[in-house]
Every structure is written in C-alpha cells, then in structure tokens.
Amino acid sequence: MDSTVASLGIRSLHILAAASPVEHTTARELALLTGVKISLAARPGAGVNVVLASRRWAKKLPTAARD
C-alpha cells in the first residue's frame, strides 16, 4: 500500500443512510483508496463521516467550507 494512503489512518467510514449521489461516490472512492468498509449512519460516528457541509454533521468547519 502507498505510504500516503497508509498514513491517513482511516479505520471507519460513515455515510448518511439517505445520502446524495455525490456523497455515495465520495465515500466509495475513499473506501477503495483506504480498504475500509462504508457504514450507513443516522448521525455522525467515530471515524470519518462523508457528508455535505450543509448537513452540519461536523462540530466545526473551516469558514470557507460549503457545498
């Protein structure tokens, strides 16, 4: 495995059960890159959550973050 990918340290990947196509694509690509399985979720979980900024799953986003 590429050392860049290994350095990400992603162990879990979550996506909203009612996710949009772009969220599904993003999660799928990240899962393929890291070898981690995607879990469907109703709310943010421990690990990496793949959602649009407008869903407000993150406690704090950079000022420039937007969909």
PDB file of N, CA and C in Angstrom:
ATOM      1  N   MET A   1       0.838  -1.182   0.000  1.00  0.00           N
ATOM      2  CA  MET A   1       0.000   0.000   0.000  1.00  0.00           C
ATOM      3  C   MET A   1       0.878   1.238   0.000  1.00  0.00           C
ATOM      4  N   ASP A   2       0.459   2.266  -0.701  1.00  0.00           N
ATOM      5  CA  ASP A   2       1.171   3.539  -0.766  1.00  0.00           C
ATOM      6  C   ASP A   2       1.286   4.127   0.635  1.00  0.00           C
ATOM      7  N   SER A   3       2.460   4.663   0.981  1.00  0.00           N
ATOM      8  CA  SER A   3       2.664   5.211   2.326  1.00  0.00           C
ATOM      9  C   SER A   3       1.764   6.403   2.608  1.00  0.00           C
ATOM     10  N   THR A   4       1.368   7.162   1.575  1.00  0.00           N
ATOM     11  CA  THR A   4       0.458   8.285   1.767  1.00  0.00           C
ATOM     12  C   THR A   4      -0.898   7.787   2.237  1.00  0.00           C
ATOM     13  N   VAL A   5      -1.403   6.743   1.607  1.00  0.00           N
ATOM     14  CA  VAL A   5      -2.689   6.166   1.995  1.00  0.00           C
ATOM     15  C   VAL A   5      -2.590   5.569   3.395  1.00  0.00           C
ATOM     16  N   ALA A   6      -1.532   4.848   3.658  1.00  0.00           N
ATOM     17  CA  ALA A   6      -1.364   4.237   4.969  1.00  0.00           C
ATOM     18  C   ALA A   6      -1.292   5.289   6.067  1.00  0.00           C
ATOM     19  N   SER A   7      -0.747   6.457   5.758  1.00  0.00           N
ATOM     20  CA  SER A   7      -0.612   7.496   6.775  1.00  0.00           C
ATOM     21  C   SER A   7      -1.940   8.157   7.118  1.00  0.00           C
ATOM     22  N   LEU A   8      -2.974   7.935   6.310  1.00  0.00           N
ATOM     23  CA  LEU A   8      -4.288   8.506   6.626  1.00  0.00           C
ATOM     24  C   LEU A   8      -4.853   7.908   7.912  1.00  0.00           C
ATOM     25  N   GLY A   9      -4.580   6.656   8.163  1.00  0.00           N
ATOM     26  CA  GLY A   9      -5.023   6.010   9.395  1.00  0.00           C
ATOM     27  C   GLY A   9      -6.531   5.885   9.528  1.00  0.00           C
ATOM     28  N   ILE A  10      -7.254   5.804   8.416  1.00  0.00           N
ATOM     29  CA  ILE A  10      -8.719   5.693   8.468  1.00  0.00           C
ATOM     30  C   ILE A  10      -9.093   4.260   8.827  1.00  0.00           C
ATOM     31  N   ARG A  11      -9.888   4.121   9.871  1.00  0.00           N
ATOM     32  CA  ARG A  11     -10.322   2.794  10.318  1.00  0.00           C
ATOM     33  C   ARG A  11     -11.824   2.600  10.149  1.00  0.00           C
ATOM     34  N   SER A  12     -12.578   3.705  10.117  1.00  0.00           N
ATOM     35  CA  SER A  12     -14.021   3.600   9.915  1.00  0.00           C
ATOM     36  C   SER A  12     -14.508   4.760   9.065  1.00  0.00           C
ATOM     37  N   LEU A  13     -15.512   4.486   8.239  1.00  0.00           N
ATOM     38  CA  LEU A  13     -16.033   5.440   7.273  1.00  0.00           C
ATOM     39  C   LEU A  13     -17.553   5.382   7.337  1.00  0.00           C
ATOM     40  N   HIS A  14     -18.177   6.524   7.575  1.00  0.00           N
ATOM     41  CA  HIS A  14     -19.631   6.572   7.734  1.00  0.00           C
ATOM     42  C   HIS A  14     -20.255   7.487   6.693  1.00  0.00           C
ATOM     43  N   ILE A  15     -21.453   7.125   6.259  1.00  0.00           N
ATOM     44  CA  ILE A  15     -22.210   7.922   5.309  1.00  0.00           C
ATOM     45  C   ILE A  15     -23.663   7.928   5.756  1.00  0.00           C
ATOM     46  N   LEU A  16     -24.339   9.040   5.547  1.00  0.00           N
ATOM     47  CA  LEU A  16     -25.744   9.183   5.904  1.00  0.00           C
ATOM     48  C   LEU A  16     -26.568   8.153   5.141  1.00  0.00           C
ATOM     49  N   ALA A  17     -27.509   7.511   5.823  1.00  0.00           N
ATOM     50  CA  ALA A  17     -28.338   6.496   5.173  1.00  0.00           C
ATOM     51  C   ALA A  17     -29.076   7.067   3.958  1.00  0.00           C
ATOM     52  N   ALA A  18     -29.478   8.333   4.009  1.00  0.00           N
ATOM     53  CA  ALA A  18     -30.185   8.986   2.904  1.00  0.00           C
ATOM     54  C   ALA A  18     -29.243   9.921   2.143  1.00  0.00           C
ATOM     55  N   ALA A  19     -28.033   9.482   1.900  1.00  0.00           N
ATOM     56  CA  ALA A  19     -27.006  10.315   1.255  1.00  0.00           C
ATOM     57  C   ALA A  19     -27.323  10.592  -0.212  1.00  0.00           C
ATOM     58  N   SER A  20     -26.797  11.713  -0.678  1.00  0.00           N
ATOM     59  CA  SER A  20     -26.957  12.095  -2.082  1.00  0.00           C
ATOM     60  C   SER A  20     -25.955  11.297  -2.934  1.00  0.00           C
ATOM     61  N   PRO A  21     -26.147  11.274  -4.260  1.00  0.00           N
ATOM     62  CA  PRO A  21     -25.211  10.550  -5.129  1.00  0.00           C
ATOM     63  C   PRO A  21     -23.755  11.001  -4.968  1.00  0.00           C
ATOM     64  N   VAL A  22     -23.525  12.293  -4.799  1.00  0.00           N
ATOM     65  CA  VAL A  22     -22.144  12.767  -4.651  1.00  0.00           C
ATOM     66  C   VAL A  22     -21.533  12.266  -3.353  1.00  0.00           C
ATOM     67  N   GLU A  23     -22.311  12.146  -2.304  1.00  0.00           N
ATOM     68  CA  GLU A  23     -21.803  11.606  -1.036  1.00  0.00           C
ATOM     69  C   GLU A  23     -21.470  10.121  -1.186  1.00  0.00           C
ATOM     70  N   HIS A  24     -22.324   9.378  -1.895  1.00  0.00           N
ATOM     71  CA  HIS A  24     -22.056   7.954  -2.145  1.00  0.00           C
ATOM     72  C   HIS A  24     -20.770   7.774  -2.942  1.00  0.00           C
ATOM     73  N   THR A  25     -20.605   8.574  -3.983  1.00  0.00           N
ATOM     74  CA  THR A  25     -19.407   8.475  -4.820  1.00  0.00           C
ATOM     75  C   THR A  25     -18.153   8.794  -4.020  1.00  0.00           C
ATOM     76  N   THR A  26     -18.205   9.857  -3.243  1.00  0.00           N
ATOM     77  CA  THR A  26     -17.054  10.248  -2.429  1.00  0.00           C
ATOM     78  C   THR A  26     -16.687   9.153  -1.437  1.00  0.00           C
ATOM     79  N   ALA A  27     -17.687   8.623  -0.742  1.00  0.00           N
ATOM     80  CA  ALA A  27     -17.436   7.557   0.233  1.00  0.00           C
ATOM     81  C   ALA A  27     -16.877   6.312  -0.447  1.00  0.00           C
ATOM     82  N   ARG A  28     -17.436   5.962  -1.608  1.00  0.00           N
ATOM     83  CA  ARG A  28     -16.965   4.769  -2.325  1.00  0.00           C
ATOM     84  C   ARG A  28     -15.502   4.936  -2.746  1.00  0.00           C
ATOM     85  N   GLU A  29     -15.149   6.095  -3.274  1.00  0.00           N
ATOM     86  CA  GLU A  29     -13.765   6.331  -3.697  1.00  0.00           C
ATOM     87  C   GLU A  29     -12.806   6.291  -2.508  1.00  0.00           C
ATOM     88  N   LEU A  30     -13.207   6.893  -1.397  1.00  0.00           N
ATOM     89  CA  LEU A  30     -12.360   6.869  -0.200  1.00  0.00           C
ATOM     90  C   LEU A  30     -12.226   5.446   0.338  1.00  0.00           C
ATOM     91  N   ALA A  31     -13.305   4.680   0.296  1.00  0.00           N
ATOM     92  CA  ALA A  31     -13.262   3.288   0.745  1.00  0.00           C
ATOM     93  C   ALA A  31     -12.329   2.460  -0.137  1.00  0.00           C
ATOM     94  N   LEU A  32     -12.396   2.659  -1.440  1.00  0.00           N
ATOM     95  CA  LEU A  32     -11.495   1.935  -2.355  1.00  0.00           C
ATOM     96  C   LEU A  32     -10.046   2.312  -2.110  1.00  0.00           C
ATOM     97  N   LEU A  33      -9.804   3.574  -1.844  1.00  0.00           N
ATOM     98  CA  LEU A  33      -8.447   4.064  -1.610  1.00  0.00           C
ATOM     99  C   LEU A  33      -7.848   3.512  -0.317  1.00  0.00           C
ATOM    100  N   THR A  34      -8.678   3.399   0.721  1.00  0.00           N
ATOM    101  CA  THR A  34      -8.177   3.008   2.039  1.00  0.00           C
ATOM    102  C   THR A  34      -8.428   1.551   2.416  1.00  0.00           C
ATOM    103  N   GLY A  35      -9.320   0.880   1.688  1.00  0.00           N
ATOM    104  CA  GLY A  35      -9.642  -0.505   2.018  1.00  0.00           C
ATOM    105  C   GLY A  35     -10.594  -0.644   3.195  1.00  0.00           C
ATOM    106  N   VAL A  36     -11.276   0.443   3.555  1.00  0.00           N
ATOM    107  CA  VAL A  36     -12.212   0.440   4.687  1.00  0.00           C
ATOM    108  C   VAL A  36     -13.627   0.253   4.157  1.00  0.00           C
ATOM    109  N   LYS A  37     -14.487  -0.456   4.910  1.00  0.00           N
ATOM    110  CA  LYS A  37     -15.885  -0.628   4.525  1.00  0.00           C
ATOM    111  C   LYS A  37     -16.701   0.589   4.949  1.00  0.00           C
ATOM    112  N   ILE A  38     -17.742   0.892   4.182  1.00  0.00           N
ATOM    113  CA  ILE A  38     -18.640   2.011   4.470  1.00  0.00           C
ATOM    114  C   ILE A  38     -19.771   1.538   5.372  1.00  0.00           C
ATOM    115  N   SER A  39     -20.062   2.324   6.410  1.00  0.00           N
ATOM    116  CA  SER A  39     -21.187   2.045   7.297  1.00  0.00           C
ATOM    117  C   SER A  39     -22.239   3.133   7.113  1.00  0.00           C
ATOM    118  N   LEU A  40     -23.501   2.724   7.016  1.00  0.00           N
ATOM    119  CA  LEU A  40     -24.592   3.695   6.953  1.00  0.00           C
ATOM    120  C   LEU A  40     -24.881   4.190   8.354  1.00  0.00           C
ATOM    121  N   ALA A  41     -25.201   5.479   8.480  1.00  0.00           N
ATOM    122  CA  ALA A  41     -25.425   6.058   9.801  1.00  0.00           C
ATOM    123  C   ALA A  41     -26.549   7.096   9.763  1.00  0.00           C
ATOM    124  N   ALA A  42     -27.210   7.267  10.886  1.00  0.00           N
ATOM    125  CA  ALA A  42     -28.249   8.288  11.024  1.00  0.00           C
ATOM    126  C   ALA A  42     -27.675   9.563  11.624  1.00  0.00           C
ATOM    127  N   ARG A  43     -26.499   9.434  12.252  1.00  0.00           N
ATOM    128  CA  ARG A  43     -25.832  10.588  12.881  1.00  0.00           C
ATOM    129  C   ARG A  43     -24.332  10.350  12.817  1.00  0.00           C
ATOM    130  N   PRO A  44     -23.542  11.391  13.054  1.00  0.00           N
ATOM    131  CA  PRO A  44     -22.088  11.234  12.977  1.00  0.00           C
ATOM    132  C   PRO A  44     -21.573  10.128  13.894  1.00  0.00           C
ATOM    133  N   GLY A  45     -20.570   9.409  13.411  1.00  0.00           N
ATOM    134  CA  GLY A  45     -19.956   8.357  14.201  1.00  0.00           C
ATOM    135  C   GLY A  45     -18.474   8.622  14.383  1.00  0.00           C
ATOM    136  N   ALA A  46     -17.831   7.770  15.153  1.00  0.00           N
ATOM    137  CA  ALA A  46     -16.379   7.868  15.335  1.00  0.00           C
ATOM    138  C   ALA A  46     -15.724   7.460  14.026  1.00  0.00           C
ATOM    139  N   GLY A  47     -14.718   8.176  13.612  1.00  0.00           N
ATOM    140  CA  GLY A  47     -14.055   7.889  12.354  1.00  0.00           C
ATOM    141  C   GLY A  47     -14.319   8.991  11.359  1.00  0.00           C
ATOM    142  N   VAL A  48     -14.304   8.660  10.069  1.00  0.00           N
ATOM    143  CA  VAL A  48     -14.509   9.647   9.010  1.00  0.00           C
ATOM    144  C   VAL A  48     -15.970   9.608   8.578  1.00  0.00           C
ATOM    145  N   ASN A  49     -16.616  10.772   8.599  1.00  0.00           N
ATOM    146  CA  ASN A  49     -18.002  10.912   8.159  1.00  0.00           C
ATOM    147  C   ASN A  49     -17.998  11.651   6.826  1.00  0.00           C
ATOM    148  N   VAL A  50     -18.577  11.036   5.797  1.00  0.00           N
ATOM    149  CA  VAL A  50     -18.616  11.642   4.463  1.00  0.00           C
ATOM    150  C   VAL A  50     -20.007  12.210   4.230  1.00  0.00           C
ATOM    151  N   VAL A  51     -20.127  13.533   4.339  1.00  0.00           N
ATOM    152  CA  VAL A  51     -21.400  14.224   4.123  1.00  0.00           C
ATOM    153  C   VAL A  51     -21.132  15.623   3.588  1.00  0.00           C
ATOM    154  N   LEU A  52     -22.148  16.227   2.991  1.00  0.00           N
ATOM    155  CA  LEU A  52     -22.044  17.612   2.547  1.00  0.00           C
ATOM    156  C   LEU A  52     -21.992  18.527   3.762  1.00  0.00           C
ATOM    157  N   ALA A  53     -21.304  19.650   3.633  1.00  0.00           N
ATOM    158  CA  ALA A  53     -21.173  20.601   4.745  1.00  0.00           C
ATOM    159  C   ALA A  53     -22.532  21.083   5.241  1.00  0.00           C
ATOM    160  N   SER A  54     -23.498  21.219   4.344  1.00  0.00           N
ATOM    161  CA  SER A  54     -24.821  21.730   4.725  1.00  0.00           C
ATOM    162  C   SER A  54     -25.574  20.802   5.681  1.00  0.00           C
ATOM    163  N   ARG A  55     -25.143  19.558   5.817  1.00  0.00           N
ATOM    164  CA  ARG A  55     -25.808  18.623   6.750  1.00  0.00           C
ATOM    165  C   ARG A  55     -25.421  18.901   8.202  1.00  0.00           C
ATOM    166  N   ARG A  56     -24.383  19.701   8.394  1.00  0.00           N
ATOM    167  CA  ARG A  56     -23.930  20.130   9.716  1.00  0.00           C
ATOM    168  C   ARG A  56     -23.597  18.967  10.666  1.00  0.00           C
ATOM    169  N   TRP A  57     -22.960  17.934  10.122  1.00  0.00           N
ATOM    170  CA  TRP A  57     -22.519  16.827  10.968  1.00  0.00           C
ATOM    171  C   TRP A  57     -21.271  17.187  11.744  1.00  0.00           C
ATOM    172  N   ALA A  58     -20.446  18.061  11.207  1.00  0.00           N
ATOM    173  CA  ALA A  58     -19.198  18.447  11.877  1.00  0.00           C
ATOM    174  C   ALA A  58     -19.481  19.471  12.970  1.00  0.00           C
ATOM    175  N   LYS A  59     -18.769  19.363  14.066  1.00  0.00           N
ATOM    176  CA  LYS A  59     -18.933  20.321  15.151  1.00  0.00           C
ATOM    177  C   LYS A  59     -18.388  21.682  14.759  1.00  0.00           C
ATOM    178  N   LYS A  60     -17.330  21.679  13.947  1.00  0.00           N
ATOM    179  CA  LYS A  60     -16.734  22.932  13.499  1.00  0.00           C
ATOM    180  C   LYS A  60     -16.126  22.726  12.118  1.00  0.00           C
ATOM    181  N   LEU A  61     -16.470  23.608  11.195  1.00  0.00           N
ATOM    182  CA  LEU A  61     -15.926  23.551   9.841  1.00  0.00           C
ATOM    183  C   LEU A  61     -15.093  24.795   9.582  1.00  0.00           C
ATOM    184  N   PRO A  62     -14.150  24.710   8.671  1.00  0.00           N
ATOM    185  CA  PRO A  62     -13.431  25.923   8.278  1.00  0.00           C
ATOM    186  C   PRO A  62     -14.429  26.950   7.717  1.00  0.00           C
ATOM    187  N   THR A  63     -14.133  28.212   7.854  1.00  0.00           N
ATOM    188  CA  THR A  63     -15.023  29.281   7.399  1.00  0.00           C
ATOM    189  C   THR A  63     -15.379  29.119   5.926  1.00  0.00           C
ATOM    190  N   ALA A  64     -14.449  28.686   5.108  1.00  0.00           N
ATOM    191  CA  ALA A  64     -14.680  28.572   3.668  1.00  0.00           C
ATOM    192  C   ALA A  64     -15.418  27.290   3.262  1.00  0.00           C
ATOM    193  N   ALA A  65     -15.723  26.402   4.171  1.00  0.00           N
ATOM    194  CA  ALA A  65     -16.373  25.144   3.828  1.00  0.00           C
ATOM    195  C   ALA A  65     -17.827  25.383   3.433  1.00  0.00           C
ATOM    196  N   ARG A  66     -18.176  24.880   2.264  1.00  0.00           N
ATOM    197  CA  ARG A  66     -19.560  24.951   1.798  1.00  0.00           C
ATOM    198  C   ARG A  66     -19.743  23.893   0.725  1.00  0.00           C
ATOM    199  N   ASP A  67     -20.994  23.602   0.405  1.00  0.00           N
ATOM    200  CA  ASP A  67     -21.299  22.575  -0.611  1.00  0.00           C
ATOM    201  C   ASP A  67     -20.896  23.046  -1.986  1.00  0.00           C
TER     202      ASP A  67
END
